[in-house]
């Protein structure tokens, strides 16, 4: 029996390498920024800043940091007593971003897309992520009217924080690929199933670039 279980685990690992199926949720909420990007949001020892210069304590190489910022992304960090405890990247208007596998989103001119967020393990459970989101949404982009974010279906903690920050589901999506080649990508919205890329493109159609 132990040998059978061991072989089953090996088979499952190899199968996962061949076929990868993932699902996510695209969420949105109105944005009403009231200050210029990078001006900071302060209160109770908490400060939200836009990080424009590379630091050696950041979890990316300088090359990767410059690549991201050069491609239309901005890094925001939450500091508590001047200690960085939470960060999130923001793809700005017109930026083309990869969501999952071959799925892509061109950020509408009136919006921004929040991605690659993390909180220091020592500060998790204190609402830091929600504070960062609120600061970006209400203080980062005064001309924006739409904030977008995608989250893995199984990431319950992030989904809960996003819901508390006011994000609501736009649509769900699922993508499958084999040997790094896309098999299919589907989305469902209002009870209808369509091609997932079509739904991401729809956002650009509803909020066209200028």
Protein backbone atom coordinates (compact mmCIF):
# COMPACT_ATOMS: atom_id res chain seq x y z
CA UNK A 1 0.00 0.00 0.00
CA UNK A 2 2.83 2.41 0.84
CA UNK A 3 4.48 1.68 -2.50
CA UNK A 4 1.20 2.35 -4.31
CA UNK A 5 0.74 5.67 -2.53
CA UNK A 6 4.31 6.67 -3.33
CA UNK A 7 3.82 5.89 -7.01
CA UNK A 8 0.53 7.79 -6.96
CA UNK A 9 2.29 10.88 -5.60
CA UNK A 10 5.00 10.61 -8.25
CA UNK A 11 2.38 10.23 -10.97
CA UNK A 12 0.45 13.26 -9.68
CA UNK A 13 3.58 15.43 -9.64
CA UNK A 14 4.45 14.43 -13.20
CA UNK A 15 0.88 15.01 -14.35
CA UNK A 16 0.90 18.48 -12.78
CA UNK A 17 4.03 19.29 -14.75
CA UNK A 18 2.32 18.26 -17.97
CA UNK A 19 -1.11 19.77 -17.42
CA UNK A 20 -1.64 22.98 -15.48
CA UNK A 21 -5.13 24.22 -14.68
CA UNK A 22 -5.65 27.46 -12.77
CA UNK A 23 -8.60 29.68 -12.02
CA UNK A 24 -9.05 33.22 -10.84
CA UNK A 25 -11.43 36.11 -10.30
CA UNK A 26 -11.24 39.59 -11.82
CA UNK A 27 -12.55 42.16 -9.35
CA UNK A 28 -13.20 45.88 -9.66
CA UNK A 29 -14.34 48.86 -7.68
CA UNK A 30 -14.71 52.61 -8.29
CA UNK A 31 -11.61 54.68 -7.58
CA UNK A 32 -11.69 58.28 -6.44
CA UNK A 33 -8.12 59.37 -5.77
CA UNK A 34 -7.77 62.71 -4.07
CA UNK A 35 -4.03 63.40 -4.18
CA UNK A 36 -1.15 63.16 -6.60
CA UNK A 37 0.65 59.81 -7.01
CA UNK A 38 3.52 59.38 -4.59
CA UNK A 39 2.38 62.12 -2.19
CA UNK A 40 1.96 59.52 0.56
CA UNK A 41 -0.87 58.66 2.93
CA UNK A 42 -0.19 59.02 6.64
CA UNK A 43 -1.97 58.19 9.85
CA UNK A 44 -1.20 56.47 13.16
CA UNK A 45 2.44 55.90 12.23
CA UNK A 46 1.42 54.39 8.87
CA UNK A 47 2.70 55.89 5.62
CA UNK A 48 1.96 54.79 2.06
CA UNK A 49 4.55 55.85 -0.47
CA UNK A 50 5.24 55.35 -4.13
CA UNK A 51 8.76 53.91 -4.40
CA UNK A 52 10.55 55.46 -7.37
CA UNK A 53 14.10 54.42 -6.57
CA UNK A 54 15.54 50.96 -6.12
CA UNK A 55 16.64 49.82 -2.64
CA UNK A 56 18.76 46.81 -1.85
CA UNK A 57 16.19 45.52 0.67
CA UNK A 58 13.51 45.15 -2.02
CA UNK A 59 12.68 41.53 -3.00
CA UNK A 60 13.67 42.06 -6.65
CA UNK A 61 16.90 42.67 -8.46
CA UNK A 62 17.59 46.20 -9.62
CA UNK A 63 17.23 44.99 -13.21
CA UNK A 64 13.75 43.57 -12.51
CA UNK A 65 12.70 46.71 -10.63
CA UNK A 66 13.75 48.91 -13.55
CA UNK A 67 12.09 46.57 -16.04
CA UNK A 68 8.77 46.81 -14.22
CA UNK A 69 8.85 50.57 -13.71
CA UNK A 70 9.98 51.07 -17.30
CA UNK A 71 6.98 49.07 -18.54
CA UNK A 72 4.39 51.30 -16.90
CA UNK A 73 4.23 49.84 -13.38
CA UNK A 74 4.60 51.62 -10.06
CA UNK A 75 5.53 50.17 -6.66
CA UNK A 76 3.60 51.28 -3.57
CA UNK A 77 4.68 50.38 -0.03
CA UNK A 78 3.10 50.64 3.39
CA UNK A 79 5.52 51.71 6.13
CA UNK A 80 4.84 51.43 9.85
CA UNK A 81 7.25 53.47 11.93
CA UNK A 82 9.38 53.73 8.77
CA UNK A 83 9.55 49.94 8.39
CA UNK A 84 8.25 48.56 5.07
CA UNK A 85 5.60 45.94 5.91
CA UNK A 86 3.47 45.59 2.77
CA UNK A 87 3.81 46.29 -0.94
CA UNK A 88 1.80 46.21 -4.14
CA UNK A 89 2.54 46.87 -7.78
CA UNK A 90 0.20 48.99 -9.89
CA UNK A 91 -0.02 48.75 -13.69
CA UNK A 92 -1.00 52.19 -14.89
CA UNK A 93 -3.22 53.32 -17.77
CA UNK A 94 -2.32 51.76 -21.11
CA UNK A 95 0.00 49.13 -19.62
CA UNK A 96 -0.28 45.60 -21.02
CA UNK A 97 -0.13 43.02 -18.24
CA UNK A 98 -0.12 39.24 -18.11
CA UNK A 99 -2.87 37.86 -15.88
CA UNK A 100 -2.61 34.07 -16.19
CA UNK A 101 -0.95 31.86 -18.81
CA UNK A 102 -1.67 33.58 -22.16
CA UNK A 103 -4.39 35.88 -20.83
CA UNK A 104 -3.59 39.58 -21.16
CA UNK A 105 -5.18 42.85 -20.05
CA UNK A 106 -4.56 46.34 -21.41
CA UNK A 107 -5.32 48.67 -18.50
CA UNK A 108 -8.11 51.14 -19.46
CA UNK A 109 -7.22 54.82 -19.60
CA UNK A 110 -9.54 55.56 -16.67
CA UNK A 111 -8.16 52.80 -14.43
CA UNK A 112 -5.26 50.93 -12.91
CA UNK A 113 -4.54 47.30 -12.12
CA UNK A 114 -3.10 46.15 -8.77
CA UNK A 115 -0.89 43.05 -8.81
CA UNK A 116 1.98 41.21 -7.05
CA UNK A 117 1.13 42.23 -3.48
CA UNK A 118 2.61 40.79 -0.29
CA UNK A 119 2.75 41.47 3.44
CA UNK A 120 5.63 40.77 5.81
CA UNK A 121 4.69 37.55 7.69
CA UNK A 122 5.24 39.31 11.02
CA UNK A 123 2.51 41.84 10.15
CA UNK A 124 -0.11 39.57 8.63
CA UNK A 125 -3.57 39.61 10.16
CA UNK A 126 -3.33 43.31 11.08
CA UNK A 127 -5.13 44.75 8.06
CA UNK A 128 -1.96 46.01 6.37
CA UNK A 129 -3.00 44.83 2.90
CA UNK A 130 -6.39 46.50 3.23
CA UNK A 131 -4.72 49.74 4.37
CA UNK A 132 -2.40 49.66 1.36
CA UNK A 133 -5.29 49.02 -1.04
CA UNK A 134 -7.34 51.84 0.44
CA UNK A 135 -4.42 54.23 0.18
CA UNK A 136 -3.81 53.41 -3.48
CA UNK A 137 -7.49 53.53 -4.45
CA UNK A 138 -8.36 56.76 -2.65
CA UNK A 139 -5.05 58.59 -2.78
CA UNK A 140 -2.97 57.35 -5.67
CA UNK A 141 -4.61 58.31 -8.95
CA UNK A 142 -6.91 61.36 -8.87
CA UNK A 143 -7.98 60.98 -12.51
CA UNK A 144 -8.85 57.28 -12.30
CA UNK A 145 -12.39 55.99 -11.85
CA UNK A 146 -11.74 52.22 -11.89
CA UNK A 147 -9.47 49.94 -9.84
CA UNK A 148 -8.91 46.37 -11.05
CA UNK A 149 -7.31 43.34 -9.46
CA UNK A 150 -7.13 39.59 -10.16
CA UNK A 151 -6.87 36.93 -7.46
CA UNK A 152 -6.43 33.16 -7.48
CA UNK A 153 -9.66 31.37 -6.63
CA UNK A 154 -7.97 29.46 -3.83
CA UNK A 155 -6.41 32.50 -2.16
CA UNK A 156 -9.00 32.97 0.55
CA UNK A 157 -7.03 35.50 2.60
CA UNK A 158 -6.53 37.88 -0.32
CA UNK A 159 -10.13 37.47 -1.45
CA UNK A 160 -11.35 38.40 2.02
CA UNK A 161 -9.09 41.48 2.18
CA UNK A 162 -10.17 42.60 -1.28
CA UNK A 163 -13.85 42.20 -0.35
CA UNK A 164 -13.33 44.30 2.78
CA UNK A 165 -11.64 46.95 0.64
CA UNK A 166 -14.76 47.15 -1.53
CA UNK A 167 -13.82 45.05 -4.56
CA UNK A 168 -16.60 43.15 -6.31
CA UNK A 169 -16.49 40.30 -8.82
CA UNK A 170 -16.52 41.24 -12.50
CA UNK A 171 -16.07 37.69 -13.78
CA UNK A 172 -14.34 34.38 -13.02
CA UNK A 173 -11.96 32.63 -15.38
CA UNK A 174 -10.19 29.33 -15.85
CA UNK A 175 -7.15 28.52 -17.98
CA UNK A 176 -5.53 25.21 -18.86
CA UNK A 177 -2.28 24.47 -20.64
CA UNK A 178 -0.18 21.42 -21.43
CA UNK A 179 3.59 21.51 -21.80
CA UNK A 180 3.41 25.33 -21.56
CA UNK A 181 0.97 25.50 -24.46
CA UNK A 182 -2.49 26.91 -23.90
CA UNK A 183 -5.37 24.45 -24.23
CA UNK A 184 -8.30 26.73 -23.45
CA UNK A 185 -9.31 29.72 -21.34
CA UNK A 186 -12.91 30.29 -20.29
CA UNK A 187 -14.70 32.97 -18.33
CA UNK A 188 -18.15 33.09 -16.83
CA UNK A 189 -20.08 36.28 -16.12
CA UNK A 190 -23.76 36.66 -15.35
CA UNK A 191 -24.32 32.97 -15.99
CA UNK A 192 -22.71 33.01 -19.45
CA UNK A 193 -19.53 31.18 -20.48
CA UNK A 194 -17.31 32.89 -23.05
CA UNK A 195 -13.67 32.97 -24.10
CA UNK A 196 -11.68 34.45 -21.22
CA UNK A 197 -9.59 36.79 -23.37
CA UNK A 198 -12.82 38.25 -24.71
CA UNK A 199 -13.81 39.31 -21.20
CA UNK A 200 -10.45 40.97 -20.54
CA UNK A 201 -10.73 42.77 -23.89
CA UNK A 202 -14.26 43.86 -22.97
CA UNK A 203 -12.86 46.05 -20.21
CA UNK A 204 -10.90 47.99 -22.80
CA UNK A 205 -14.00 48.26 -25.00
CA UNK A 206 -16.12 49.61 -22.15
CA UNK A 207 -13.38 51.99 -21.01
CA UNK A 208 -11.48 52.68 -24.26
CA UNK A 209 -7.98 54.06 -24.48
CA UNK A 210 -7.59 57.72 -25.43
